[in-house]
């Protein structure tokens, strides 16, 4: 891959950030705290590698 762009320029990074925010909003009132924590951590764990 050529260029000096940042991983933040990748479309997949932008979309994953949007999805993570949406997941946090949807699960805000979820009372199953273990489930909510696991899904939230998974949503924000997208790595640029």
PDB file of N, CA and C in Angstrom:
ATOM      1  N   UNK A   1       0.845  -1.168   0.000  1.00  0.00           N
ATOM      2  CA  UNK A   1       0.000   0.000   0.000  1.00  0.00           C
ATOM      3  C   UNK A   1       0.891   1.232   0.000  1.00  0.00           C
ATOM      4  N   UNK A   2       0.598   2.133  -0.854  1.00  0.00           N
ATOM      5  CA  UNK A   2       1.427   3.331  -0.945  1.00  0.00           C
ATOM      6  C   UNK A   2       0.689   4.530  -0.372  1.00  0.00           C
ATOM      7  N   UNK A   3       1.433   5.574  -0.132  1.00  0.00           N
ATOM      8  CA  UNK A   3       0.833   6.795   0.390  1.00  0.00           C
ATOM      9  C   UNK A   3       1.183   6.998   1.850  1.00  0.00           C
ATOM     10  N   UNK A   4       0.929   8.189   2.298  1.00  0.00           N
ATOM     11  CA  UNK A   4       1.257   8.503   3.684  1.00  0.00           C
ATOM     12  C   UNK A   4       0.004   8.832   4.488  1.00  0.00           C
ATOM     13  N   UNK A   5      -1.121   8.270   4.067  1.00  0.00           N
ATOM     14  CA  UNK A   5      -2.374   8.542   4.759  1.00  0.00           C
ATOM     15  C   UNK A   5      -2.430   7.866   6.116  1.00  0.00           C
ATOM     16  N   UNK A   6      -3.315   8.342   6.923  1.00  0.00           N
ATOM     17  CA  UNK A   6      -3.519   7.799   8.257  1.00  0.00           C
ATOM     18  C   UNK A   6      -4.596   6.712   8.204  1.00  0.00           C
ATOM     19  N   UNK A   7      -4.570   5.817   9.189  1.00  0.00           N
ATOM     20  CA  UNK A   7      -5.612   4.796   9.255  1.00  0.00           C
ATOM     21  C   UNK A   7      -6.981   5.451   9.429  1.00  0.00           C
ATOM     22  N   UNK A   8      -7.006   6.657   9.971  1.00  0.00           N
ATOM     23  CA  UNK A   8      -8.266   7.361  10.159  1.00  0.00           C
ATOM     24  C   UNK A   8      -8.895   7.798   8.839  1.00  0.00           C
ATOM     25  N   UNK A   9      -8.133   7.691   7.747  1.00  0.00           N
ATOM     26  CA  UNK A   9      -8.658   8.021   6.428  1.00  0.00           C
ATOM     27  C   UNK A   9      -9.399   6.845   5.792  1.00  0.00           C
ATOM     28  N   UNK A  10      -9.232   5.640   6.330  1.00  0.00           N
ATOM     29  CA  UNK A  10      -9.881   4.463   5.766  1.00  0.00           C
ATOM     30  C   UNK A  10     -11.382   4.511   6.031  1.00  0.00           C
ATOM     31  N   UNK A  11     -12.141   4.158   5.019  1.00  0.00           N
ATOM     32  CA  UNK A  11     -13.599   4.145   5.145  1.00  0.00           C
ATOM     33  C   UNK A  11     -14.048   3.173   6.238  1.00  0.00           C
ATOM     34  N   UNK A  12     -13.387   2.038   6.343  1.00  0.00           N
ATOM     35  CA  UNK A  12     -13.762   1.047   7.359  1.00  0.00           C
ATOM     36  C   UNK A  12     -13.582   1.618   8.763  1.00  0.00           C
ATOM     37  N   UNK A  13     -12.569   2.430   8.979  1.00  0.00           N
ATOM     38  CA  UNK A  13     -12.347   3.058  10.286  1.00  0.00           C
ATOM     39  C   UNK A  13     -13.480   4.042  10.598  1.00  0.00           C
ATOM     40  N   UNK A  14     -13.846   4.841   9.613  1.00  0.00           N
ATOM     41  CA  UNK A  14     -14.913   5.822   9.810  1.00  0.00           C
ATOM     42  C   UNK A  14     -16.239   5.129  10.125  1.00  0.00           C
ATOM     43  N   UNK A  15     -16.530   4.070   9.385  1.00  0.00           N
ATOM     44  CA  UNK A  15     -17.789   3.354   9.598  1.00  0.00           C
ATOM     45  C   UNK A  15     -17.808   2.641  10.942  1.00  0.00           C
ATOM     46  N   UNK A  16     -16.672   2.059  11.328  1.00  0.00           N
ATOM     47  CA  UNK A  16     -16.629   1.342  12.603  1.00  0.00           C
ATOM     48  C   UNK A  16     -16.836   2.294  13.770  1.00  0.00           C
ATOM     49  N   UNK A  17     -16.325   3.503  13.646  1.00  0.00           N
ATOM     50  CA  UNK A  17     -16.513   4.514  14.684  1.00  0.00           C
ATOM     51  C   UNK A  17     -17.991   4.883  14.811  1.00  0.00           C
ATOM     52  N   UNK A  18     -18.649   5.056  13.675  1.00  0.00           N
ATOM     53  CA  UNK A  18     -20.074   5.381  13.663  1.00  0.00           C
ATOM     54  C   UNK A  18     -20.891   4.248  14.274  1.00  0.00           C
ATOM     55  N   UNK A  19     -20.571   3.023  13.906  1.00  0.00           N
ATOM     56  CA  UNK A  19     -21.296   1.863  14.427  1.00  0.00           C
ATOM     57  C   UNK A  19     -21.087   1.730  15.930  1.00  0.00           C
ATOM     58  N   UNK A  20     -19.865   1.956  16.397  1.00  0.00           N
ATOM     59  CA  UNK A  20     -19.580   1.868  17.829  1.00  0.00           C
ATOM     60  C   UNK A  20     -20.415   2.874  18.615  1.00  0.00           C
ATOM     61  N   UNK A  21     -20.539   4.072  18.107  1.00  0.00           N
ATOM     62  CA  UNK A  21     -21.355   5.096  18.778  1.00  0.00           C
ATOM     63  C   UNK A  21     -22.818   4.665  18.797  1.00  0.00           C
ATOM     64  N   UNK A  22     -23.306   4.145  17.682  1.00  0.00           N
ATOM     65  CA  UNK A  22     -24.700   3.698  17.608  1.00  0.00           C
ATOM     66  C   UNK A  22     -24.964   2.561  18.592  1.00  0.00           C
ATOM     67  N   UNK A  23     -24.029   1.630  18.703  1.00  0.00           N
ATOM     68  CA  UNK A  23     -24.175   0.514  19.641  1.00  0.00           C
ATOM     69  C   UNK A  23     -24.238   1.033  21.071  1.00  0.00           C
ATOM     70  N   UNK A  24     -23.381   1.972  21.403  1.00  0.00           N
ATOM     71  CA  UNK A  24     -23.391   2.545  22.755  1.00  0.00           C
ATOM     72  C   UNK A  24     -24.724   3.221  23.061  1.00  0.00           C
ATOM     73  N   UNK A  25     -25.280   3.900  22.079  1.00  0.00           N
ATOM     74  CA  UNK A  25     -26.571   4.571  22.272  1.00  0.00           C
ATOM     75  C   UNK A  25     -27.686   3.548  22.455  1.00  0.00           C
ATOM     76  N   UNK A  26     -27.712   2.526  21.613  1.00  0.00           N
ATOM     77  CA  UNK A  26     -28.765   1.507  21.679  1.00  0.00           C
ATOM     78  C   UNK A  26     -28.715   0.749  23.005  1.00  0.00           C
ATOM     79  N   UNK A  27     -27.517   0.454  23.484  1.00  0.00           N
ATOM     80  CA  UNK A  27     -27.376  -0.348  24.702  1.00  0.00           C
ATOM     81  C   UNK A  27     -27.334   0.487  25.980  1.00  0.00           C
ATOM     82  N   UNK A  28     -27.504   1.774  25.871  1.00  0.00           N
ATOM     83  CA  UNK A  28     -27.416   2.670  27.028  1.00  0.00           C
ATOM     84  C   UNK A  28     -28.332   2.231  28.173  1.00  0.00           C
ATOM     85  N   UNK A  29     -29.535   1.782  27.857  1.00  0.00           N
ATOM     86  CA  UNK A  29     -30.505   1.407  28.889  1.00  0.00           C
ATOM     87  C   UNK A  29     -30.564  -0.091  29.152  1.00  0.00           C
ATOM     88  N   UNK A  30     -29.640  -0.848  28.596  1.00  0.00           N
ATOM     89  CA  UNK A  30     -29.609  -2.298  28.795  1.00  0.00           C
ATOM     90  C   UNK A  30     -29.186  -2.604  30.237  1.00  0.00           C
ATOM     91  N   UNK A  31     -29.974  -3.409  30.925  1.00  0.00           N
ATOM     92  CA  UNK A  31     -29.680  -3.730  32.323  1.00  0.00           C
ATOM     93  C   UNK A  31     -28.851  -5.000  32.475  1.00  0.00           C
ATOM     94  N   UNK A  32     -28.587  -5.685  31.384  1.00  0.00           N
ATOM     95  CA  UNK A  32     -27.680  -6.840  31.419  1.00  0.00           C
ATOM     96  C   UNK A  32     -26.273  -6.278  31.242  1.00  0.00           C
ATOM     97  N   UNK A  33     -25.678  -5.871  32.360  1.00  0.00           N
ATOM     98  CA  UNK A  33     -24.430  -5.119  32.317  1.00  0.00           C
ATOM     99  C   UNK A  33     -23.265  -5.910  31.728  1.00  0.00           C
ATOM    100  N   UNK A  34     -23.229  -7.212  31.963  1.00  0.00           N
ATOM    101  CA  UNK A  34     -22.173  -8.040  31.381  1.00  0.00           C
ATOM    102  C   UNK A  34     -22.261  -8.068  29.867  1.00  0.00           C
ATOM    103  N   UNK A  35     -23.475  -8.270  29.358  1.00  0.00           N
ATOM    104  CA  UNK A  35     -23.700  -8.269  27.911  1.00  0.00           C
ATOM    105  C   UNK A  35     -23.347  -6.916  27.317  1.00  0.00           C
ATOM    106  N   UNK A  36     -23.868  -5.855  27.941  1.00  0.00           N
ATOM    107  CA  UNK A  36     -23.615  -4.502  27.446  1.00  0.00           C
ATOM    108  C   UNK A  36     -22.120  -4.197  27.423  1.00  0.00           C
ATOM    109  N   UNK A  37     -21.413  -4.570  28.474  1.00  0.00           N
ATOM    110  CA  UNK A  37     -19.981  -4.305  28.548  1.00  0.00           C
ATOM    111  C   UNK A  37     -19.222  -5.056  27.460  1.00  0.00           C
ATOM    112  N   UNK A  38     -19.566  -6.335  27.266  1.00  0.00           N
ATOM    113  CA  UNK A  38     -18.868  -7.141  26.260  1.00  0.00           C
ATOM    114  C   UNK A  38     -19.112  -6.607  24.851  1.00  0.00           C
ATOM    115  N   UNK A  39     -20.345  -6.297  24.526  1.00  0.00           N
ATOM    116  CA  UNK A  39     -20.666  -5.800  23.186  1.00  0.00           C
ATOM    117  C   UNK A  39     -20.038  -4.431  22.953  1.00  0.00           C
ATOM    118  N   UNK A  40     -20.078  -3.572  23.961  1.00  0.00           N
ATOM    119  CA  UNK A  40     -19.480  -2.243  23.831  1.00  0.00           C
ATOM    120  C   UNK A  40     -17.972  -2.342  23.631  1.00  0.00           C
ATOM    121  N   UNK A  41     -17.310  -3.181  24.418  1.00  0.00           N
ATOM    122  CA  UNK A  41     -15.862  -3.347  24.258  1.00  0.00           C
ATOM    123  C   UNK A  41     -15.517  -3.913  22.886  1.00  0.00           C
ATOM    124  N   UNK A  42     -16.328  -4.839  22.394  1.00  0.00           N
ATOM    125  CA  UNK A  42     -16.086  -5.398  21.061  1.00  0.00           C
ATOM    126  C   UNK A  42     -16.265  -4.340  19.978  1.00  0.00           C
ATOM    127  N   UNK A  43     -17.258  -3.512  20.144  1.00  0.00           N
ATOM    128  CA  UNK A  43     -17.547  -2.485  19.139  1.00  0.00           C
ATOM    129  C   UNK A  43     -16.427  -1.462  19.021  1.00  0.00           C
ATOM    130  N   UNK A  44     -15.790  -1.130  20.124  1.00  0.00           N
ATOM    131  CA  UNK A  44     -14.742  -0.107  20.085  1.00  0.00           C
ATOM    132  C   UNK A  44     -13.348  -0.693  19.877  1.00  0.00           C
ATOM    133  N   UNK A  45     -13.264  -2.003  19.695  1.00  0.00           N
ATOM    134  CA  UNK A  45     -11.951  -2.639  19.590  1.00  0.00           C
ATOM    135  C   UNK A  45     -11.429  -2.768  18.163  1.00  0.00           C
ATOM    136  N   UNK A  46     -12.067  -2.146  17.204  1.00  0.00           N
ATOM    137  CA  UNK A  46     -11.608  -2.213  15.816  1.00  0.00           C
ATOM    138  C   UNK A  46     -10.224  -1.592  15.728  1.00  0.00           C
ATOM    139  N   UNK A  47      -9.292  -2.345  15.207  1.00  0.00           N
ATOM    140  CA  UNK A  47      -7.902  -1.896  15.104  1.00  0.00           C
ATOM    141  C   UNK A  47      -7.559  -1.595  13.653  1.00  0.00           C
ATOM    142  N   UNK A  48      -6.689  -0.653  13.429  1.00  0.00           N
ATOM    143  CA  UNK A  48      -6.310  -0.290  12.061  1.00  0.00           C
ATOM    144  C   UNK A  48      -5.228  -1.182  11.472  1.00  0.00           C
ATOM    145  N   UNK A  49      -5.068  -2.390  11.975  1.00  0.00           N
ATOM    146  CA  UNK A  49      -4.004  -3.262  11.457  1.00  0.00           C
ATOM    147  C   UNK A  49      -4.542  -4.327  10.556  1.00  0.00           C
TER     148      UNK A  49
END
